[in-house]
Structure formats: structure tokens, C-alpha cells
N, C-alpha and C. Protein backbone atom coordinates (compact mmCIF):
# COMPACT_ATOMS: atom_id res chain seq x y z
N MET A 1 86.01 112.24 58.76
CA MET A 1 85.82 110.81 58.58
C MET A 1 85.58 110.17 59.96
N PRO A 2 84.45 109.48 60.13
CA PRO A 2 84.15 108.87 61.43
C PRO A 2 85.15 107.76 61.77
N ARG A 3 85.35 107.60 63.06
CA ARG A 3 86.27 106.59 63.53
C ARG A 3 85.57 105.71 64.54
N PRO A 4 85.90 104.45 64.63
CA PRO A 4 86.97 103.78 63.90
C PRO A 4 86.60 103.59 62.42
N ASN A 5 87.61 103.83 61.58
CA ASN A 5 87.43 103.70 60.14
C ASN A 5 88.08 102.40 59.65
N THR A 6 88.10 102.24 58.33
CA THR A 6 88.65 101.00 57.75
C THR A 6 90.12 100.82 58.13
N ARG A 7 90.87 101.89 58.11
CA ARG A 7 92.29 101.80 58.48
C ARG A 7 92.44 101.38 59.94
N ASP A 8 91.62 101.95 60.82
CA ASP A 8 91.65 101.58 62.24
C ASP A 8 91.30 100.11 62.43
N ARG A 9 90.29 99.65 61.71
CA ARG A 9 89.87 98.26 61.83
C ARG A 9 90.96 97.30 61.33
N ARG A 10 91.67 97.71 60.27
CA ARG A 10 92.79 96.88 59.78
C ARG A 10 93.90 96.82 60.82
N ALA A 11 94.21 97.95 61.43
CA ALA A 11 95.24 97.97 62.47
C ALA A 11 94.82 97.10 63.65
N HIS A 12 93.56 97.19 64.04
CA HIS A 12 93.04 96.37 65.13
C HIS A 12 93.13 94.89 64.77
N ALA A 13 92.76 94.55 63.55
CA ALA A 13 92.82 93.15 63.10
C ALA A 13 94.26 92.63 63.12
N ARG A 14 95.21 93.46 62.71
CA ARG A 14 96.62 93.07 62.74
C ARG A 14 97.07 92.78 64.17
N ILE A 15 96.69 93.66 65.09
CA ILE A 15 97.09 93.49 66.49
C ILE A 15 96.45 92.24 67.09
N THR A 16 95.15 92.05 66.86
CA THR A 16 94.47 90.88 67.44
C THR A 16 94.96 89.57 66.82
N ALA A 17 95.31 89.60 65.54
CA ALA A 17 95.87 88.39 64.91
C ALA A 17 97.22 88.05 65.53
N ALA A 18 98.02 89.08 65.80
CA ALA A 18 99.32 88.84 66.44
C ALA A 18 99.13 88.28 67.85
N PHE A 19 98.15 88.81 68.59
CA PHE A 19 97.83 88.25 69.91
C PHE A 19 97.46 86.78 69.80
N ALA A 20 96.62 86.45 68.83
CA ALA A 20 96.13 85.08 68.68
C ALA A 20 97.25 84.09 68.36
N ALA A 21 98.32 84.58 67.77
CA ALA A 21 99.42 83.70 67.38
C ALA A 21 100.41 83.42 68.52
N ILE A 22 100.24 84.11 69.62
CA ILE A 22 101.19 83.97 70.74
C ILE A 22 100.86 82.73 71.55
N GLY A 23 101.91 82.03 71.94
CA GLY A 23 101.73 80.85 72.79
C GLY A 23 101.80 81.23 74.25
N PHE A 24 102.39 80.36 75.04
CA PHE A 24 102.52 80.60 76.47
C PHE A 24 103.42 81.80 76.72
N ALA A 25 103.21 82.45 77.88
CA ALA A 25 103.99 83.65 78.20
C ALA A 25 104.28 83.68 79.70
N LEU A 26 105.51 84.03 80.02
CA LEU A 26 105.90 84.22 81.42
C LEU A 26 106.18 85.70 81.65
N PRO A 27 105.52 86.29 82.65
CA PRO A 27 105.72 87.71 82.91
C PRO A 27 107.02 87.95 83.68
N GLY A 28 107.43 89.19 83.68
CA GLY A 28 108.59 89.57 84.47
C GLY A 28 109.81 89.83 83.64
N THR A 29 110.95 89.80 84.32
CA THR A 29 112.23 90.12 83.70
C THR A 29 113.20 88.97 83.91
N LEU A 30 113.91 88.62 82.86
CA LEU A 30 114.95 87.60 82.95
C LEU A 30 116.29 88.30 82.83
N LEU A 31 117.13 88.12 83.84
CA LEU A 31 118.46 88.74 83.86
C LEU A 31 119.54 87.67 83.85
N GLU A 32 120.61 87.97 83.12
CA GLU A 32 121.81 87.14 83.17
C GLU A 32 122.84 87.93 83.93
N ARG A 33 123.33 87.37 85.03
CA ARG A 33 124.26 88.10 85.88
C ARG A 33 125.60 87.38 85.98
N HIS A 34 126.65 88.17 86.06
CA HIS A 34 128.00 87.70 86.35
C HIS A 34 128.44 88.49 87.57
N ILE A 35 128.93 87.78 88.59
CA ILE A 35 129.18 88.46 89.86
C ILE A 35 130.59 88.21 90.39
N ARG A 36 130.96 89.05 91.35
CA ARG A 36 132.19 88.89 92.13
C ARG A 36 131.84 88.33 93.49
N CYS A 37 132.64 87.42 93.98
CA CYS A 37 132.42 86.90 95.33
C CYS A 37 133.23 87.69 96.36
N ASN A 38 134.24 88.42 95.87
CA ASN A 38 135.11 89.27 96.71
C ASN A 38 136.00 88.51 97.68
N LYS A 39 136.21 87.21 97.44
CA LYS A 39 137.13 86.45 98.27
C LYS A 39 138.55 86.74 97.80
N PRO A 40 139.46 87.02 98.71
CA PRO A 40 140.84 87.31 98.33
C PRO A 40 141.45 86.15 97.53
N GLY A 41 142.13 86.48 96.46
CA GLY A 41 142.79 85.48 95.64
C GLY A 41 141.89 84.81 94.62
N CYS A 42 140.59 85.08 94.65
CA CYS A 42 139.67 84.46 93.69
C CYS A 42 139.87 85.09 92.31
N ARG A 43 139.57 84.31 91.27
CA ARG A 43 139.72 84.79 89.90
C ARG A 43 138.87 86.03 89.63
N CYS A 44 137.79 86.20 90.40
CA CYS A 44 136.93 87.36 90.18
C CYS A 44 137.58 88.65 90.69
N MET A 45 138.65 88.51 91.46
CA MET A 45 139.37 89.68 91.98
C MET A 45 140.63 89.98 91.16
N ALA A 46 140.92 89.15 90.17
CA ALA A 46 142.13 89.32 89.36
C ALA A 46 142.00 90.56 88.47
N ASP A 47 143.10 90.88 87.80
CA ASP A 47 143.10 92.00 86.86
C ASP A 47 143.55 91.47 85.51
N PRO A 48 142.70 91.25 84.54
CA PRO A 48 141.27 91.60 84.56
C PRO A 48 140.48 90.52 85.30
N PRO A 49 139.33 90.91 85.85
CA PRO A 49 138.54 89.94 86.62
C PRO A 49 137.86 88.92 85.71
N GLN A 50 137.74 87.70 86.24
CA GLN A 50 136.96 86.64 85.58
C GLN A 50 135.77 86.37 86.50
N LEU A 51 134.66 87.00 86.17
CA LEU A 51 133.50 86.94 87.04
C LEU A 51 132.85 85.56 87.04
N HIS A 52 132.14 85.26 88.12
CA HIS A 52 131.39 84.01 88.26
C HIS A 52 130.08 84.12 87.49
N GLY A 53 129.64 83.02 86.94
CA GLY A 53 128.35 83.04 86.26
C GLY A 53 128.47 82.38 84.91
N PRO A 54 127.48 82.43 84.11
CA PRO A 54 126.29 83.27 84.31
C PRO A 54 125.29 82.64 85.28
N TYR A 55 124.60 83.54 86.01
CA TYR A 55 123.48 83.17 86.85
C TYR A 55 122.24 83.84 86.26
N TYR A 56 121.15 83.11 86.22
CA TYR A 56 119.93 83.62 85.60
C TYR A 56 118.88 83.88 86.67
N GLN A 57 118.36 85.09 86.68
CA GLN A 57 117.34 85.49 87.64
C GLN A 57 116.06 85.88 86.91
N TRP A 58 114.97 85.29 87.33
CA TRP A 58 113.65 85.65 86.81
C TRP A 58 112.95 86.41 87.93
N THR A 59 112.65 87.67 87.66
CA THR A 59 112.02 88.54 88.65
C THR A 59 110.65 88.96 88.15
N ARG A 60 109.67 88.90 89.05
CA ARG A 60 108.30 89.30 88.68
C ARG A 60 107.56 89.76 89.94
N LYS A 61 106.43 90.42 89.72
CA LYS A 61 105.59 90.87 90.82
C LYS A 61 104.48 89.85 91.05
N ILE A 62 104.27 89.51 92.31
CA ILE A 62 103.16 88.65 92.71
C ILE A 62 102.51 89.34 93.91
N ASP A 63 101.24 89.70 93.75
CA ASP A 63 100.50 90.41 94.81
C ASP A 63 101.26 91.64 95.29
N GLY A 64 101.84 92.37 94.35
CA GLY A 64 102.52 93.62 94.69
C GLY A 64 103.92 93.46 95.27
N ARG A 65 104.39 92.25 95.39
CA ARG A 65 105.73 92.02 95.94
C ARG A 65 106.62 91.41 94.87
N THR A 66 107.88 91.77 94.91
CA THR A 66 108.85 91.26 93.94
C THR A 66 109.33 89.87 94.37
N HIS A 67 109.26 88.94 93.44
CA HIS A 67 109.74 87.57 93.68
C HIS A 67 110.82 87.26 92.65
N THR A 68 111.89 86.65 93.11
CA THR A 68 112.99 86.27 92.24
C THR A 68 113.20 84.77 92.32
N THR A 69 113.36 84.17 91.15
CA THR A 69 113.62 82.74 91.04
C THR A 69 114.90 82.56 90.24
N LEU A 70 115.82 81.75 90.77
CA LEU A 70 117.03 81.43 90.02
C LEU A 70 116.71 80.31 89.05
N LEU A 71 117.17 80.46 87.82
CA LEU A 71 116.93 79.46 86.79
C LEU A 71 118.25 78.88 86.32
N THR A 72 118.20 77.63 85.88
CA THR A 72 119.37 77.00 85.26
C THR A 72 119.42 77.42 83.79
N ALA A 73 120.55 77.19 83.16
CA ALA A 73 120.68 77.48 81.73
C ALA A 73 119.67 76.67 80.93
N GLU A 74 119.42 75.43 81.36
CA GLU A 74 118.45 74.58 80.67
C GLU A 74 117.04 75.15 80.78
N GLN A 75 116.71 75.68 81.96
CA GLN A 75 115.39 76.30 82.13
C GLN A 75 115.25 77.56 81.27
N VAL A 76 116.31 78.33 81.19
CA VAL A 76 116.28 79.52 80.34
C VAL A 76 116.04 79.10 78.89
N ASP A 77 116.75 78.08 78.44
CA ASP A 77 116.54 77.59 77.07
C ASP A 77 115.10 77.13 76.87
N ARG A 78 114.56 76.43 77.85
CA ARG A 78 113.21 75.88 77.75
C ARG A 78 112.14 76.98 77.72
N TYR A 79 112.35 78.06 78.47
CA TYR A 79 111.30 79.08 78.63
C TYR A 79 111.60 80.42 77.95
N GLN A 80 112.72 80.54 77.26
CA GLN A 80 113.08 81.81 76.63
C GLN A 80 111.97 82.31 75.70
N ALA A 81 111.39 81.42 74.92
CA ALA A 81 110.31 81.84 74.01
C ALA A 81 109.12 82.37 74.80
N TRP A 82 108.86 81.85 75.98
CA TRP A 82 107.74 82.32 76.80
C TRP A 82 108.02 83.74 77.31
N PHE A 83 109.28 84.01 77.69
CA PHE A 83 109.64 85.37 78.10
C PHE A 83 109.52 86.32 76.90
N ASP A 84 109.95 85.87 75.74
CA ASP A 84 109.83 86.68 74.52
C ASP A 84 108.37 86.95 74.19
N ASN A 85 107.51 85.95 74.37
CA ASN A 85 106.08 86.13 74.12
C ASN A 85 105.48 87.19 75.04
N ALA A 86 105.89 87.19 76.30
CA ALA A 86 105.38 88.18 77.24
C ALA A 86 105.78 89.59 76.80
N LYS A 87 107.01 89.73 76.31
CA LYS A 87 107.47 91.03 75.81
C LYS A 87 106.64 91.46 74.59
N THR A 88 106.33 90.51 73.73
CA THR A 88 105.50 90.80 72.55
C THR A 88 104.09 91.22 72.98
N ILE A 89 103.55 90.55 73.99
CA ILE A 89 102.22 90.91 74.50
C ILE A 89 102.22 92.34 75.02
N ARG A 90 103.26 92.73 75.76
CA ARG A 90 103.34 94.10 76.27
C ARG A 90 103.40 95.11 75.13
N ALA A 91 104.15 94.79 74.07
CA ALA A 91 104.25 95.70 72.92
C ALA A 91 102.92 95.80 72.18
N LEU A 92 102.25 94.66 72.00
CA LEU A 92 100.96 94.67 71.31
C LEU A 92 99.90 95.41 72.13
N THR A 93 99.94 95.25 73.44
CA THR A 93 99.01 95.97 74.31
C THR A 93 99.23 97.47 74.18
N ALA A 94 100.48 97.88 74.15
CA ALA A 94 100.79 99.31 73.97
C ALA A 94 100.28 99.81 72.62
N ASP A 95 100.43 99.01 71.57
CA ASP A 95 99.93 99.38 70.24
C ASP A 95 98.41 99.53 70.26
N LEU A 96 97.71 98.58 70.88
CA LEU A 96 96.26 98.62 70.95
C LEU A 96 95.78 99.83 71.76
N GLU A 97 96.46 100.11 72.87
CA GLU A 97 96.10 101.27 73.68
C GLU A 97 96.33 102.57 72.91
N ALA A 98 97.44 102.66 72.18
CA ALA A 98 97.73 103.87 71.40
C ALA A 98 96.69 104.07 70.30
N LEU A 99 96.32 103.00 69.62
CA LEU A 99 95.29 103.09 68.58
C LEU A 99 93.97 103.53 69.19
N SER A 100 93.56 102.93 70.28
CA SER A 100 92.30 103.27 70.94
C SER A 100 92.31 104.71 71.43
N LEU A 101 93.41 105.14 72.00
CA LEU A 101 93.53 106.52 72.48
C LEU A 101 93.45 107.51 71.33
N ASP A 102 94.10 107.18 70.21
CA ASP A 102 94.05 108.05 69.04
C ASP A 102 92.62 108.16 68.52
N ILE A 103 91.91 107.05 68.44
CA ILE A 103 90.52 107.06 67.96
C ILE A 103 89.64 107.89 68.90
N ALA A 104 89.73 107.64 70.20
CA ALA A 104 88.91 108.38 71.17
C ALA A 104 89.24 109.86 71.18
N THR A 105 90.53 110.20 71.15
CA THR A 105 90.94 111.60 71.17
C THR A 105 90.44 112.33 69.93
N THR A 106 90.57 111.70 68.78
CA THR A 106 90.11 112.30 67.53
C THR A 106 88.59 112.42 67.51
N THR A 107 87.90 111.38 67.90
CA THR A 107 86.44 111.36 67.88
C THR A 107 85.85 112.40 68.82
N GLU A 108 86.43 112.53 70.01
CA GLU A 108 85.88 113.44 71.02
C GLU A 108 86.44 114.85 70.93
N GLY A 109 87.47 115.04 70.10
CA GLY A 109 88.08 116.36 69.99
C GLY A 109 88.91 116.74 71.20
N TRP A 110 89.36 115.73 71.93
CA TRP A 110 90.19 116.00 73.10
C TRP A 110 91.56 116.47 72.67
N THR A 111 92.17 117.31 73.45
CA THR A 111 93.53 117.75 73.19
C THR A 111 94.48 116.72 73.77
N PRO A 112 95.33 116.15 72.94
CA PRO A 112 96.28 115.15 73.49
C PRO A 112 97.28 115.83 74.42
N PRO A 113 97.71 115.13 75.48
CA PRO A 113 98.71 115.72 76.37
C PRO A 113 100.05 115.85 75.66
N PRO A 114 100.94 116.71 76.17
CA PRO A 114 102.29 116.77 75.60
C PRO A 114 102.96 115.40 75.66
N HIS A 115 103.91 115.17 74.77
CA HIS A 115 104.56 113.84 74.66
C HIS A 115 105.27 113.41 75.93
N ASN A 116 105.66 114.35 76.79
CA ASN A 116 106.39 113.96 77.99
C ASN A 116 105.46 113.65 79.15
N GLN A 117 104.13 113.66 78.93
CA GLN A 117 103.17 113.33 79.97
C GLN A 117 102.29 112.19 79.49
N VAL A 118 101.74 111.47 80.44
CA VAL A 118 100.83 110.38 80.10
C VAL A 118 99.42 110.77 80.43
């Protein structure tokens, strides 16, 4: 059966429709951190410790360098959906690449690499 076939086109349509439904997206990683200050007598040094935070860090690459921005809880609330959208975009891109690779590999008769290699 030649490829891309009807099933491939349906999968492609599903992926592109999901892409089209995505709004704004912020790349990178959002971390919630709780830290110790290590000052003697501070609550973070107690047993059990009561760590400081939460502190929110948004880390991303810009021109090959890692940049970190501290965000407030309000900013996290405001942009959480944008971070989620970026994660969805990465997953959809992986799905589209896997579909395309499967079609090309099957069409050309290429031997797929072992699962532990890319």
C-alpha cells in the first residue's frame, strides 16, 4: 500500500488541527523551588525544615545560552497555559516527526535503527 495513505493523512490532519488550536506559547522550563538559606536558627534549618518559597524560575535558551527569569505567583498563573501550550507543541512535533519517519522508512525500505538509538 503506497504511503502516505488515508490513515497517514488522517493522523496528519489530527496533528495539524491540534497545532491550529494552540494559542500563545512560552518555551523553556518552569520550575517551582523551595530553598534553604542556611542561616543558623532559621526555620529552614529546623527539624523538620520549613523551606523558603515557593520561588518560580523560568529557564530557556536564547542564542545558545541559558537565561533564567524569576516569576511571581501571579505571573505563573497568567502564563501557565502558555507554558502548557509549548509542551503540547513539543509533543505534537514529536508525533509529526514519528509519522513522517515511519512513512519515509516504509516507503524507502530503510531499516529503522534500534530503539535505543536515534
